Amino acid sequence: MLQYYVPNKVDPSKDYGTPASLSEKLVTLEIDGVETCVPEGTSVMRAAALVDLNIPKLCATDNLEAYGSCRLCAVQIEGRRGTPASCTTPAEQGMKVWTQNEKLAKLRRNIMELYISDHPLDCLTCPANGDCELQDMAGAVGLREVRYGFDGENHLDAPKDTSNPYFTFDASKCIVCSRCVRACEEVQGTFALTIDGRGFDSKVAAGQNESFLDSECVSCGACVQACPTATLSENSIIELGQPEHSVVTTCAYCGVGCSFRAEMKGDQLVRMVPDKGGDANHGHSCVKGRFAFGYATHKDRIKTPMIRDSIDQPWKEVGWEEAISFAASRLKSIQAEHGRESIGGITSSRCTNEETYLVQKLIRAAFGNNNTDTCARVCHSPTGYGLKQTLGESAGTQTFDSIMKSDCVLVIGANPTDAHPVFGSLMRRRLREGASLIVADPREIDLLKTPHIGDAVHLPLRPGSNVAMVNALAHVVITEGLEDADFIAKRCETDAYAKWRAFISESRNSPEAVEEITGVSAAAVREAARTFAKAPNAAIYYGLGVTEHSQGSTMVMGIANLALATGNIGRDGVGVNPLRGQNNVQGSCDMGSFPHELPGYQHVSDPIARGRFEAAWGVSLDDEPGLRIPNMFDAAIAGQFRALYVQGEDIAQSDPNTQHVEAALKALDCLIVQDIFLNETAKFAHVLLPGSSFLEKNGTFTNAERRINRVRKVMPAVAGKEDWEVTVDLANALGYPMSYNHPSEIMDEIASLAPSFAGVSYEKLDKHGSLQWPCNDQFPDGSPIMHMESFPMPEGKGHFAITEFVPTTERANRKFPLLLTTGRILSQYNVGAQTRRTDNQAWHDEDILELHPHDAEERGISDGDWLGITSRAGHTVLRARVSVRMQPGVVYTTFHHPGSGANVITTNNSDWATNCPEYKVTAVQVEKVSQPSEWQKDFVANHHRQNKFLAEASAVAASDE
C-alpha cells in the first residue's frame, strides 16, 4: 500500500528523528513492505516515522541535523553493503529498506549494551524515570543483560554541576551523544558547549571547562530539551517528579510569542517545554519563557482586593464586591464633581487581547470619554503612525520565518539576542548560512559577534542621528542608481516618489554631509547602502532604538522609504519588521487602546466606524480623541484629571521623568491598580485589585508578526478572578452592563467590529494553531506576508514621505557632556516585576552603567565604582562597568530594577507625532560618588513604608479570621 507524505498531517508532538526536507520533488521507496512517497532529501529514518515505523535512535532528533554517531538506527538496504545509519541516509527512488530483522536486533542490543555498561543503574530514583530515551531504547531493542559488567573503567563517579539555578548537569549519566552540543550550535547559536577529549575520555564541557553558570551558556534550555537521558535535568523535575498532563499556551514575556506546553501535576506547574508546533518558535525558547515562571506562585502575589482613602494609610483587605463598589463610587463621585473628562484608564500590553479590548470599552462606554492609552505609547507608537503613513497598515510585514530567505539583514536600534532571543537565534542561523548583516546602533551588540558569521558592517551612529543615517543610506541608493525602478513604478505613488527623490538626492543628505552628525564614516555608510540595495532579498528589523526618539515617527517613515525604494516589500525574505517589546504590544494597539482609535485602527471621528460600535455597545461615543498618558500626567498635576484605572502596567517605573510621574500619581483623588504584585504604581494607589498571570486565564496574545496565539488556562486564578472578569464587574458597578461567559465571546465581538479580525475565532485558532491578521473574507486563513499585491492606501500604492532630519533639543554640552541611552538585557524583562522574582537574578541583580574606557579614564572611574548620573531631569546613582561595547561620549544602562532610578534622569522629550518618550537620548554628566541619590533614599523609605502597610493589612485580616 502506497502512503503519501502529507505535510499538514505531521504530528508536532512526535519526534521524526531528522528535519523535514523542503524539496518539492517526491521519491517513492519501500520500508518494511510499506510503500511511501516523501520529498527528496528526506532521511530514511524520517520516511519510516512518517508511516509509523519507528526506528530506535539516541543521537537523532528532528530539530537537529543528522549526526549518525549512536548507530542504533542502523537499517538494511537492498543492494547495499553493511548497515547504514538511517538518520544520515537519504531516501531514494525505488529504495527497499528493512528496519527490523534478527541481524539488526542483535546489532542494536550490542550497541545498547555498551551504553548501559557505563551508565548508573538508578532508574527507579532517576529524575528522568518514565521520560528517558535511553531507558525507552533499552526496552525497544530488548536489552536484558550487560555481559561486560560494571566494574571496568567508567564515568560513574563524575561530579555534578549544579551551578545553574534551573538545571543540573550530571556527567555520570552522559552518553556523549552530542545532542546538547549540537542544539547549542544549531538551534541557539551560542556555541557554549563542546566535546572535550577523545575516545573514552570524551565529555561534554561548557566553555573552557567552566561551570554552566560561568560559561557563555544563556540557559535557553535547548540542551536540556535535547538530552535523551537525565544528564541535563530541570531542577523542578528533580524536585517535583514527572508531570502528568500538559496544556499548550503562549509565553507572556517578549513579542516573539513562543508556544509552550505547560506540564502539570494537578494544578502545580512543573515545567514549561517549548512546543514544536509553535509557529513563532518551532520548539525553541529562552531563559525567561523556559524557566522564569516562578513569579506566578511567588509569595508576593496580591491575592485579596484592598482599599484605602489615602496613600499614607495602611491597606484594608476586603472582598471583591466591596472593592469594586468602592472603586465605582469613587469614579462616579469624581465625575459628578469634576466632569466626564476627569477620569481615564491605561490598558495593558501584558494582558490578553480580550482583556485589553474590555478595558478600552469600559473607558469609552462606561466612563464616557476616550481617555484611554497604553504602554505602547512609550515604546512603539511611532511604528503605528509611521507605517500607517507609508504602507497603510500599523504593523510589521512578515513572518519571523521569512528571515530564512533574507540575503541581507539590516538591524536598526534593536538587540534581538537579548530582547527577542528566540528570534535572535533564528537570525543567527541565517547569518551563519551566509546572509550579510548591517547593524546601526550606538553600541556593539552581541549579534555582531555571531560565530561563523559572514559579512557584517557596524554603523555606530550617535544617539539622536537615526534620521540622518537612514536618509544617507537612501541617498546612496538613489544617486547611485540602485533603486528598484520597476517596483516603484508599479507599486508606489508617482507624485510622492518624485518629491521624495528630489529631497533625498540633495547633497545635504549624502553620507559625507551627515558624517559629522552621525559619527559614522561616509565609506561605511556607502558600503552598507550598496550591500542592502544589491541583495536579492533585504530585510529591515528595528526596535526601540528607532521609536524612542524625538523623531521616532520620522525614522519609521524613513525605514519604509528605504524598503520601498529598493523593492523590499511583499515577499519572503524582505520587509519592514518592528520587534515589539512586550508580549502583547501589538495586540494592545490592535484593540483600540489609543485615545484616537477604536479597535482595528478606526478613528473615533469616523461616523461610520463609530456608528458600528455605538450600535453594538448600546451607547453614544465621544468623537473627539481623549488624553494621552503624558497629557493625563500634566492634567493631574494641574488638578483637572482626578482618577485613573491602570491594568497591568507599572507607569511609575517605566515612564520617563519619574519624579514628574510620581507627582501626577500623588495628585490623583483615586488611583485603581489591577496587578499581580504591589508594583511601583500600586504604591500610589487607593484601590488594589489582584491581577491574574497568563497561566490563570484564557484569551489571546498578538505577537510582533501579527500572529494571534491562544492563551490557555492551566491553573486557577489565585484571587478567584481572571482580569477580564474584574473589568466586567467594574463596568456593571458603574451602571454599564457587560456580560460574557468566556473570552471566546469577547473575541467574537472583536471580530464583528474590527475588520482585520473579522475571520478570527477560537474555533479557527484551535484548528490552525495561530492566525496572522488581517484574517477576513479576503484572507480567510490569515496573512503571513503583507502588501504582496497592493497597499491599504487610497490608491493601493506605497507612499514616500519626506523625512527631514531635525536634531533633538536634548544635546550634550559642557555641563552634560555624555549621551545616555537605555536598553534591555537577556535575563530580565521590562520593569523586572516578573523576572526579579525568579532565579534570573543570578545573572543580573542590579542595573549598571556602561561607559567607554576613554570616558572612564578621564573621570578616574574603575569597574564597580558608584557613579552619580545627573541630567536636566534628575539624579541617580549606579555602579560602573567599563566596556568597549560603548563608543566614547555614550553611556548605557538598563531599567529592570526600580531602585536604580534609570527613568529619574530621562526627560520629557518625546516624538513629535505620538509623544513616545525620547528614552534613547539623555544628556548626562557622570562622577564618582559615595552614597545613593536623594530620590533613591526616598524610594527605599517609601518602599519599606508601603510594604509595611501591606503586611499590616494581612495581619489585620488574619486576626479577624
Foldseek 3Di string as FASTA:
>chain_A
DEAEQDVVVDDLVDWQFAAADPAPDWAWEAEPNYIYIGHWPQFQSNRCVSVPNHQQDALTTHVFQDDQDLCSRFWDKPPDDDTGRRRPHTDHHHIYIYRDDPVSLVVNLVSLLVLVLQADPPLVLFLCNVPASSVVSCVVSVHDDRVVHNPDDYCQPPDKQPPDPWKIADFSHDSPSCQLQRCCCQQQLQNQWDFDDDDRPTTIAGHPNDGCLPTSDQQQCSSVVRHRHRRIDTVLSSVPGFADAWDWFWFFFWQLTFIWTQGHHALHGRWTWTGCPTQSQNGTGGNCRGPQPCLQVFPQFDQFKWFDQALLFFIAGDHLVVLLLVQLVVLVVCCVVQNLQQEAEEAELSDFLLLLLLRQCCCFFLSVALRFAYCCLQWPPLLQVQCCQFQNGSAWFFRLLLQLPAQEEEEEADQCCAQVNSSLSVNLNSQLVHREYEYEALFFHCSVVRPNGHHYAYQNWDQQCLLLLLLQLVLLCLVVVLFDVVLCVQFADPVLVVVQSVQSVDPCSHLVNCCVVTVGHSVSSNVVSVSQSPTPAYAYEYTRSQQQAQANNLSSLSVSLSCSRSVRAADRRYIYFYGGRTHASVSSVQCQRFQQAHHQRHGLLPCVLQVVVCVVQVGHGDSDGGDYPVRLLVCLLVVNHAEYEYEHDQCCQFPFQNVSNVSSLNSHSAYEYEERRCHPSVSSHRIYHYEFHLQAAWHWGQGNQQKTATRDHSHHGSNRDHSSVSSQSSSVSSPRHDDDDGSQVSLCVSLVNHQQSVLDGVVLCVVSRIEHTNCHPVHVRHRNGPLNPFGNDPVRHGGRDHRDRDGDPQDADPQQQAWEFEDGGRLAGRQRSSSCSGPSCSPPVDKAKEAEPVLCVVQVHDFQFWKWKAFPQGIWIHGYDHDPSHDHRYMYIYRRYRLRPLSSQFDQNAHPPSSNHNRGTTGIDMHGDDDTDPVSVVVVVSVVSNVVSVVVNVVVVVVVD
